[in-house]
Amino acid sequence: LAMDGAAIPLLALGMICGRTTLIATGFGVITSCLILGAY
């Protein structure tokens, strides 16, 4: 999905683009880990 939507490759870029992209990055990483871990 990241290859298509550039989610993972742009995580680092999202962290330096501004507050909202940092939120998007953080939510994506944390929630992915929670789902893959708990479910």
All heavy atoms as atom14 arrays in JSON, in Angstrom:
{
  "sequence": "LAMDGAAIPLLALGMICGRTTLIATGFGVITSCLILGAY",
  "atom14_mask": [
    [1, 1, 1, 1, 1, 1, 1, 1, 0, 0, 0, 0, 0, 0],
    [1, 1, 1, 1, 1, 0, 0, 0, 0, 0, 0, 0, 0, 0],
    [1, 1, 1, 1, 1, 1, 1, 1, 0, 0, 0, 0, 0, 0],
    [1, 1, 1, 1, 1, 1, 1, 1, 0, 0, 0, 0, 0, 0],
    [1, 1, 1, 1, 0, 0, 0, 0, 0, 0, 0, 0, 0, 0],
    [1, 1, 1, 1, 1, 0, 0, 0, 0, 0, 0, 0, 0, 0],
    [1, 1, 1, 1, 1, 0, 0, 0, 0, 0, 0, 0, 0, 0],
    [1, 1, 1, 1, 1, 1, 1, 1, 0, 0, 0, 0, 0, 0],
    [1, 1, 1, 1, 1, 1, 1, 0, 0, 0, 0, 0, 0, 0],
    [1, 1, 1, 1, 1, 1, 1, 1, 0, 0, 0, 0, 0, 0],
    [1, 1, 1, 1, 1, 1, 1, 1, 0, 0, 0, 0, 0, 0],
    [1, 1, 1, 1, 1, 0, 0, 0, 0, 0, 0, 0, 0, 0],
    [1, 1, 1, 1, 1, 1, 1, 1, 0, 0, 0, 0, 0, 0],
    [1, 1, 1, 1, 0, 0, 0, 0, 0, 0, 0, 0, 0, 0],
    [1, 1, 1, 1, 1, 1, 1, 1, 0, 0, 0, 0, 0, 0],
    [1, 1, 1, 1, 1, 1, 1, 1, 0, 0, 0, 0, 0, 0],
    [1, 1, 1, 1, 1, 1, 0, 0, 0, 0, 0, 0, 0, 0],
    [1, 1, 1, 1, 0, 0, 0, 0, 0, 0, 0, 0, 0, 0],
    [1, 1, 1, 1, 1, 1, 1, 1, 1, 1, 1, 0, 0, 0],
    [1, 1, 1, 1, 1, 1, 1, 0, 0, 0, 0, 0, 0, 0],
    [1, 1, 1, 1, 1, 1, 1, 0, 0, 0, 0, 0, 0, 0],
    [1, 1, 1, 1, 1, 1, 1, 1, 0, 0, 0, 0, 0, 0],
    [1, 1, 1, 1, 1, 1, 1, 1, 0, 0, 0, 0, 0, 0],
    [1, 1, 1, 1, 1, 0, 0, 0, 0, 0, 0, 0, 0, 0],
    [1, 1, 1, 1, 1, 1, 1, 0, 0, 0, 0, 0, 0, 0],
    [1, 1, 1, 1, 0, 0, 0, 0, 0, 0, 0, 0, 0, 0],
    [1, 1, 1, 1, 1, 1, 1, 1, 1, 1, 1, 0, 0, 0],
    [1, 1, 1, 1, 0, 0, 0, 0, 0, 0, 0, 0, 0, 0],
    [1, 1, 1, 1, 1, 1, 1, 0, 0, 0, 0, 0, 0, 0],
    [1, 1, 1, 1, 1, 1, 1, 1, 0, 0, 0, 0, 0, 0],
    [1, 1, 1, 1, 1, 1, 1, 0, 0, 0, 0, 0, 0, 0],
    [1, 1, 1, 1, 1, 1, 0, 0, 0, 0, 0, 0, 0, 0],
    [1, 1, 1, 1, 1, 1, 0, 0, 0, 0, 0, 0, 0, 0],
    [1, 1, 1, 1, 1, 1, 1, 1, 0, 0, 0, 0, 0, 0],
    [1, 1, 1, 1, 1, 1, 1, 1, 0, 0, 0, 0, 0, 0],
    [1, 1, 1, 1, 1, 1, 1, 1, 0, 0, 0, 0, 0, 0],
    [1, 1, 1, 1, 0, 0, 0, 0, 0, 0, 0, 0, 0, 0],
    [1, 1, 1, 1, 1, 0, 0, 0, 0, 0, 0, 0, 0, 0],
    [1, 1, 1, 1, 1, 1, 1, 1, 1, 1, 1, 1, 0, 0]
  ],
  "atom14_positions": [
    [[0.84, -1.2, 0.0], [0.0, 0.0, 0.0], [0.87, 1.25, 0.0], [0.56, 2.26, -0.63], [-0.91, 0.0, 1.23], [-1.96, -1.1, 1.31], [-2.7, -1.03, 2.64], [-2.94, -1.0, 0.15], [0.0, 0.0, 0.0], [0.0, 0.0, 0.0], [0.0, 0.0, 0.0], [0.0, 0.0, 0.0], [0.0, 0.0, 0.0], [0.0, 0.0, 0.0]],
    [[1.98, 1.17, 0.72], [2.88, 2.32, 0.79], [3.53, 2.59, -0.56], [3.76, 3.74, -0.94], [3.93, 2.08, 1.85], [0.0, 0.0, 0.0], [0.0, 0.0, 0.0], [0.0, 0.0, 0.0], [0.0, 0.0, 0.0], [0.0, 0.0, 0.0], [0.0, 0.0, 0.0], [0.0, 0.0, 0.0], [0.0, 0.0, 0.0], [0.0, 0.0, 0.0]],
    [[3.84, 1.53, -1.29], [4.42, 1.7, -2.61], [3.46, 2.47, -3.51], [3.84, 3.36, -4.26], [4.71, 0.32, -3.23], [5.31, 0.38, -4.63], [7.03, 0.91, -4.62], [7.82, -0.54, -3.95], [0.0, 0.0, 0.0], [0.0, 0.0, 0.0], [0.0, 0.0, 0.0], [0.0, 0.0, 0.0], [0.0, 0.0, 0.0], [0.0, 0.0, 0.0]],
    [[2.15, 2.13, -3.37], [1.15, 2.82, -4.17], [0.87, 4.22, -3.63], [0.9, 5.21, -4.34], [-0.16, 2.02, -4.17], [0.01, 0.69, -4.88], [0.99, 0.53, -5.6], [-0.86, -0.18, -4.71], [0.0, 0.0, 0.0], [0.0, 0.0, 0.0], [0.0, 0.0, 0.0], [0.0, 0.0, 0.0], [0.0, 0.0, 0.0], [0.0, 0.0, 0.0]],
    [[0.55, 4.28, -2.33], [0.13, 5.55, -1.75], [1.26, 6.35, -1.13], [1.03, 7.44, -0.62], [0.0, 0.0, 0.0], [0.0, 0.0, 0.0], [0.0, 0.0, 0.0], [0.0, 0.0, 0.0], [0.0, 0.0, 0.0], [0.0, 0.0, 0.0], [0.0, 0.0, 0.0], [0.0, 0.0, 0.0], [0.0, 0.0, 0.0], [0.0, 0.0, 0.0]],
    [[2.47, 5.83, -1.18], [3.65, 6.52, -0.65], [3.54, 6.78, 0.85], [4.04, 7.78, 1.34], [3.89, 7.82, -1.4], [0.0, 0.0, 0.0], [0.0, 0.0, 0.0], [0.0, 0.0, 0.0], [0.0, 0.0, 0.0], [0.0, 0.0, 0.0], [0.0, 0.0, 0.0], [0.0, 0.0, 0.0], [0.0, 0.0, 0.0], [0.0, 0.0, 0.0]],
    [[2.88, 5.88, 1.58], [2.74, 6.09, 3.01], [4.05, 5.87, 3.75], [4.55, 6.76, 4.43], [1.66, 5.17, 3.57], [0.0, 0.0, 0.0], [0.0, 0.0, 0.0], [0.0, 0.0, 0.0], [0.0, 0.0, 0.0], [0.0, 0.0, 0.0], [0.0, 0.0, 0.0], [0.0, 0.0, 0.0], [0.0, 0.0, 0.0], [0.0, 0.0, 0.0]],
    [[4.61, 4.67, 3.6], [5.84, 4.37, 4.33], [7.03, 5.15, 3.8], [7.8, 5.73, 4.59], [6.12, 2.85, 4.31], [4.92, 2.09, 4.91], [7.39, 2.53, 5.08], [4.6, 2.47, 6.33], [0.0, 0.0, 0.0], [0.0, 0.0, 0.0], [0.0, 0.0, 0.0], [0.0, 0.0, 0.0], [0.0, 0.0, 0.0], [0.0, 0.0, 0.0]],
    [[7.26, 5.21, 2.48], [8.41, 5.98, 2.0], [8.36, 7.45, 2.4], [9.39, 8.1, 2.49], [8.33, 5.84, 0.47], [7.61, 4.57, 0.26], [6.61, 4.51, 1.36], [0.0, 0.0, 0.0], [0.0, 0.0, 0.0], [0.0, 0.0, 0.0], [0.0, 0.0, 0.0], [0.0, 0.0, 0.0], [0.0, 0.0, 0.0], [0.0, 0.0, 0.0]],
    [[7.15, 7.97, 2.63], [7.03, 9.38, 2.99], [6.89, 9.59, 4.5], [6.58, 10.7, 4.93], [5.84, 10.0, 2.27], [6.1, 10.34, 0.79], [4.84, 10.83, 0.12], [7.19, 11.4, 0.67], [0.0, 0.0, 0.0], [0.0, 0.0, 0.0], [0.0, 0.0, 0.0], [0.0, 0.0, 0.0], [0.0, 0.0, 0.0], [0.0, 0.0, 0.0]],
    [[7.1, 8.56, 5.28], [7.01, 8.75, 6.73], [8.03, 9.77, 7.2], [7.72, 10.69, 7.96], [7.22, 7.42, 7.46], [6.07, 6.41, 7.38], [6.41, 5.18, 8.19], [4.77, 7.03, 7.85], [0.0, 0.0, 0.0], [0.0, 0.0, 0.0], [0.0, 0.0, 0.0], [0.0, 0.0, 0.0], [0.0, 0.0, 0.0], [0.0, 0.0, 0.0]],
    [[9.25, 9.6, 6.77], [10.29, 10.54, 7.18], [10.0, 11.94, 6.66], [10.17, 12.94, 7.37], [11.65, 10.07, 6.69], [0.0, 0.0, 0.0], [0.0, 0.0, 0.0], [0.0, 0.0, 0.0], [0.0, 0.0, 0.0], [0.0, 0.0, 0.0], [0.0, 0.0, 0.0], [0.0, 0.0, 0.0], [0.0, 0.0, 0.0], [0.0, 0.0, 0.0]],
    [[9.54, 12.02, 5.41], [9.21, 13.33, 4.85], [8.04, 13.95, 5.62], [8.0, 15.16, 5.83], [8.85, 13.18, 3.37], [9.96, 12.65, 2.46], [9.46, 12.56, 1.02], [11.17, 13.55, 2.53], [0.0, 0.0, 0.0], [0.0, 0.0, 0.0], [0.0, 0.0, 0.0], [0.0, 0.0, 0.0], [0.0, 0.0, 0.0], [0.0, 0.0, 0.0]],
    [[7.06, 13.08, 6.0], [5.92, 13.58, 6.75], [6.33, 14.19, 8.07], [5.7, 15.12, 8.57], [0.0, 0.0, 0.0], [0.0, 0.0, 0.0], [0.0, 0.0, 0.0], [0.0, 0.0, 0.0], [0.0, 0.0, 0.0], [0.0, 0.0, 0.0], [0.0, 0.0, 0.0], [0.0, 0.0, 0.0], [0.0, 0.0, 0.0], [0.0, 0.0, 0.0]],
    [[7.41, 13.69, 8.63], [7.85, 14.19, 9.93], [8.48, 15.57, 9.84], [8.62, 16.27, 10.84], [8.83, 13.2, 10.56], [8.2, 11.86, 10.9], [9.37, 10.64, 11.54], [9.76, 11.35, 13.14], [0.0, 0.0, 0.0], [0.0, 0.0, 0.0], [0.0, 0.0, 0.0], [0.0, 0.0, 0.0], [0.0, 0.0, 0.0], [0.0, 0.0, 0.0]],
    [[8.87, 15.98, 8.62], [9.48, 17.3, 8.5], [8.61, 18.27, 7.7], [8.99, 19.41, 7.5], [10.87, 17.21, 7.84], [10.77, 16.61, 6.43], [11.82, 16.4, 8.69], [12.09, 16.6, 5.69], [0.0, 0.0, 0.0], [0.0, 0.0, 0.0], [0.0, 0.0, 0.0], [0.0, 0.0, 0.0], [0.0, 0.0, 0.0], [0.0, 0.0, 0.0]],
    [[7.43, 17.8, 7.25], [6.54, 18.69, 6.5], [5.71, 19.57, 7.42], [5.24, 20.61, 7.01], [5.6, 17.87, 5.61], [6.36, 17.29, 4.1], [0.0, 0.0, 0.0], [0.0, 0.0, 0.0], [0.0, 0.0, 0.0], [0.0, 0.0, 0.0], [0.0, 0.0, 0.0], [0.0, 0.0, 0.0], [0.0, 0.0, 0.0], [0.0, 0.0, 0.0]],
    [[5.46, 19.13, 8.63], [4.62, 19.93, 9.52], [3.89, 19.07, 10.52], [4.01, 17.83, 10.54], [0.0, 0.0, 0.0], [0.0, 0.0, 0.0], [0.0, 0.0, 0.0], [0.0, 0.0, 0.0], [0.0, 0.0, 0.0], [0.0, 0.0, 0.0], [0.0, 0.0, 0.0], [0.0, 0.0, 0.0], [0.0, 0.0, 0.0], [0.0, 0.0, 0.0]],
    [[3.08, 19.73, 11.34], [2.4, 19.04, 12.44], [1.41, 17.97, 11.95], [1.39, 16.85, 12.47], [1.64, 20.08, 13.28], [0.88, 19.48, 14.46], [-0.01, 20.49, 15.14], [-1.12, 20.9, 14.27], [-2.06, 21.75, 14.65], [-2.01, 22.3, 15.85], [-3.05, 22.08, 13.83], [0.0, 0.0, 0.0], [0.0, 0.0, 0.0], [0.0, 0.0, 0.0]],
    [[0.6, 18.3, 10.95], [-0.45, 17.37, 10.54], [0.12, 16.13, 9.87], [-0.39, 15.02, 10.06], [-1.44, 18.07, 9.58], [-1.73, 19.38, 10.06], [-2.72, 17.28, 9.48], [0.0, 0.0, 0.0], [0.0, 0.0, 0.0], [0.0, 0.0, 0.0], [0.0, 0.0, 0.0], [0.0, 0.0, 0.0], [0.0, 0.0, 0.0], [0.0, 0.0, 0.0]],
    [[1.18, 16.3, 9.08], [1.81, 15.12, 8.48], [2.48, 14.26, 9.55], [2.52, 13.03, 9.42], [2.85, 15.53, 7.42], [3.78, 16.46, 7.99], [2.17, 16.17, 6.22], [0.0, 0.0, 0.0], [0.0, 0.0, 0.0], [0.0, 0.0, 0.0], [0.0, 0.0, 0.0], [0.0, 0.0, 0.0], [0.0, 0.0, 0.0], [0.0, 0.0, 0.0]],
    [[2.99, 14.89, 10.58], [3.57, 14.13, 11.7], [2.48, 13.31, 12.4], [2.7, 12.16, 12.78], [4.24, 15.08, 12.69], [4.9, 14.44, 13.92], [5.98, 13.46, 13.49], [5.47, 15.52, 14.83], [0.0, 0.0, 0.0], [0.0, 0.0, 0.0], [0.0, 0.0, 0.0], [0.0, 0.0, 0.0], [0.0, 0.0, 0.0], [0.0, 0.0, 0.0]],
    [[1.29, 13.91, 12.55], [0.16, 13.18, 13.13], [-0.21, 11.99, 12.26], [-0.46, 10.88, 12.74], [-1.05, 14.13, 13.31], [-0.75, 15.16, 14.4], [-2.32, 13.35, 13.65], [-1.79, 16.26, 14.51], [0.0, 0.0, 0.0], [0.0, 0.0, 0.0], [0.0, 0.0, 0.0], [0.0, 0.0, 0.0], [0.0, 0.0, 0.0], [0.0, 0.0, 0.0]],
    [[-0.26, 12.22, 10.93], [-0.59, 11.14, 10.01], [0.42, 10.01, 10.12], [0.06, 8.82, 10.17], [-0.64, 11.67, 8.57], [0.0, 0.0, 0.0], [0.0, 0.0, 0.0], [0.0, 0.0, 0.0], [0.0, 0.0, 0.0], [0.0, 0.0, 0.0], [0.0, 0.0, 0.0], [0.0, 0.0, 0.0], [0.0, 0.0, 0.0], [0.0, 0.0, 0.0]],
    [[1.68, 10.38, 10.18], [2.74, 9.38, 10.3], [2.63, 8.61, 11.61], [2.68, 7.37, 11.63], [4.11, 10.05, 10.22], [4.26, 10.67, 8.95], [5.23, 9.05, 10.42], [0.0, 0.0, 0.0], [0.0, 0.0, 0.0], [0.0, 0.0, 0.0], [0.0, 0.0, 0.0], [0.0, 0.0, 0.0], [0.0, 0.0, 0.0], [0.0, 0.0, 0.0]],
    [[2.47, 9.33, 12.7], [2.38, 8.69, 14.01], [1.19, 7.77, 14.12], [1.3, 6.64, 14.62], [0.0, 0.0, 0.0], [0.0, 0.0, 0.0], [0.0, 0.0, 0.0], [0.0, 0.0, 0.0], [0.0, 0.0, 0.0], [0.0, 0.0, 0.0], [0.0, 0.0, 0.0], [0.0, 0.0, 0.0], [0.0, 0.0, 0.0], [0.0, 0.0, 0.0]],
    [[0.04, 8.24, 13.65], [-1.16, 7.41, 13.72], [-1.01, 6.16, 12.86], [-1.38, 5.05, 13.28], [-2.38, 8.21, 13.24], [-3.66, 7.41, 13.23], [-4.36, 7.18, 14.4], [-4.13, 6.87, 12.05], [-5.52, 6.42, 14.4], [-5.29, 6.12, 12.03], [-6.0, 5.9, 13.2], [0.0, 0.0, 0.0], [0.0, 0.0, 0.0], [0.0, 0.0, 0.0]],
    [[-0.44, 6.32, 11.67], [-0.25, 5.16, 10.79], [0.64, 4.11, 11.41], [0.33, 2.91, 11.37], [0.0, 0.0, 0.0], [0.0, 0.0, 0.0], [0.0, 0.0, 0.0], [0.0, 0.0, 0.0], [0.0, 0.0, 0.0], [0.0, 0.0, 0.0], [0.0, 0.0, 0.0], [0.0, 0.0, 0.0], [0.0, 0.0, 0.0], [0.0, 0.0, 0.0]],
    [[1.75, 4.54, 12.0], [2.7, 3.59, 12.6], [2.11, 2.92, 13.83], [2.13, 1.69, 13.97], [4.02, 4.3, 12.95], [4.93, 3.37, 13.76], [4.73, 4.76, 11.68], [0.0, 0.0, 0.0], [0.0, 0.0, 0.0], [0.0, 0.0, 0.0], [0.0, 0.0, 0.0], [0.0, 0.0, 0.0], [0.0, 0.0, 0.0], [0.0, 0.0, 0.0]],
    [[1.57, 3.73, 14.73], [1.06, 3.19, 16.0], [-0.1, 2.24, 15.77], [-0.14, 1.13, 16.33], [0.64, 4.34, 16.95], [1.87, 5.14, 17.39], [-0.1, 3.8, 18.16], [1.55, 6.41, 18.15], [0.0, 0.0, 0.0], [0.0, 0.0, 0.0], [0.0, 0.0, 0.0], [0.0, 0.0, 0.0], [0.0, 0.0, 0.0], [0.0, 0.0, 0.0]],
    [[-1.05, 2.64, 14.94], [-2.24, 1.81, 14.72], [-1.89, 0.54, 13.97], [-2.45, -0.53, 14.24], [-3.31, 2.61, 13.96], [-3.53, 3.87, 14.61], [-4.63, 1.85, 13.93], [0.0, 0.0, 0.0], [0.0, 0.0, 0.0], [0.0, 0.0, 0.0], [0.0, 0.0, 0.0], [0.0, 0.0, 0.0], [0.0, 0.0, 0.0], [0.0, 0.0, 0.0]],
    [[-0.97, 0.61, 13.02], [-0.53, -0.6, 12.32], [0.08, -1.6, 13.3], [-0.21, -2.8, 13.26], [0.5, -0.26, 11.24], [-0.05, 0.56, 10.24], [0.0, 0.0, 0.0], [0.0, 0.0, 0.0], [0.0, 0.0, 0.0], [0.0, 0.0, 0.0], [0.0, 0.0, 0.0], [0.0, 0.0, 0.0], [0.0, 0.0, 0.0], [0.0, 0.0, 0.0]],
    [[0.91, -1.1, 14.19], [1.55, -1.99, 15.18], [0.51, -2.59, 16.12], [0.58, -3.79, 16.46], [2.59, -1.21, 15.98], [4.04, -0.71, 15.02], [0.0, 0.0, 0.0], [0.0, 0.0, 0.0], [0.0, 0.0, 0.0], [0.0, 0.0, 0.0], [0.0, 0.0, 0.0], [0.0, 0.0, 0.0], [0.0, 0.0, 0.0], [0.0, 0.0, 0.0]],
    [[-0.48, -1.8, 16.52], [-1.51, -2.31, 17.43], [-2.34, -3.4, 16.76], [-2.62, -4.44, 17.36], [-2.43, -1.16, 17.87], [-1.82, -0.17, 18.86], [-2.78, 0.99, 19.12], [-1.47, -0.86, 20.18], [0.0, 0.0, 0.0], [0.0, 0.0, 0.0], [0.0, 0.0, 0.0], [0.0, 0.0, 0.0], [0.0, 0.0, 0.0], [0.0, 0.0, 0.0]],
    [[-2.73, -3.19, 15.51], [-3.55, -4.18, 14.8], [-2.76, -5.46, 14.55], [-3.25, -6.57, 14.78], [-4.08, -3.59, 13.49], [-5.14, -2.52, 13.79], [-4.67, -4.68, 12.59], [-5.68, -1.82, 12.58], [0.0, 0.0, 0.0], [0.0, 0.0, 0.0], [0.0, 0.0, 0.0], [0.0, 0.0, 0.0], [0.0, 0.0, 0.0], [0.0, 0.0, 0.0]],
    [[-1.53, -5.3, 14.08], [-0.71, -6.48, 13.79], [-0.33, -7.23, 15.07], [-0.12, -8.44, 15.04], [0.54, -6.08, 13.02], [0.32, -5.64, 11.57], [1.6, -5.08, 10.98], [-0.2, -6.78, 10.73], [0.0, 0.0, 0.0], [0.0, 0.0, 0.0], [0.0, 0.0, 0.0], [0.0, 0.0, 0.0], [0.0, 0.0, 0.0], [0.0, 0.0, 0.0]],
    [[-0.26, -6.5, 16.18], [0.1, -7.14, 17.44], [-1.09, -7.75, 18.16], [-1.08, -8.92, 18.52], [0.0, 0.0, 0.0], [0.0, 0.0, 0.0], [0.0, 0.0, 0.0], [0.0, 0.0, 0.0], [0.0, 0.0, 0.0], [0.0, 0.0, 0.0], [0.0, 0.0, 0.0], [0.0, 0.0, 0.0], [0.0, 0.0, 0.0], [0.0, 0.0, 0.0]],
    [[-2.16, -6.95, 18.34], [-3.3, -7.39, 19.13], [-4.26, -8.27, 18.33], [-4.97, -9.11, 18.9], [-4.05, -6.18, 19.7], [0.0, 0.0, 0.0], [0.0, 0.0, 0.0], [0.0, 0.0, 0.0], [0.0, 0.0, 0.0], [0.0, 0.0, 0.0], [0.0, 0.0, 0.0], [0.0, 0.0, 0.0], [0.0, 0.0, 0.0], [0.0, 0.0, 0.0]],
    [[-4.33, -8.06, 17.02], [-5.29, -8.81, 16.19], [-4.58, -9.53, 15.05], [-5.06, -9.56, 13.93], [-6.35, -7.86, 15.64], [-7.25, -7.28, 16.69], [-7.03, -6.01, 17.2], [-8.31, -8.02, 17.21], [-7.85, -5.47, 18.18], [-9.14, -7.5, 18.19], [-8.9, -6.22, 18.67], [-9.72, -5.71, 19.64], [0.0, 0.0, 0.0], [0.0, 0.0, 0.0]]
  ]
}
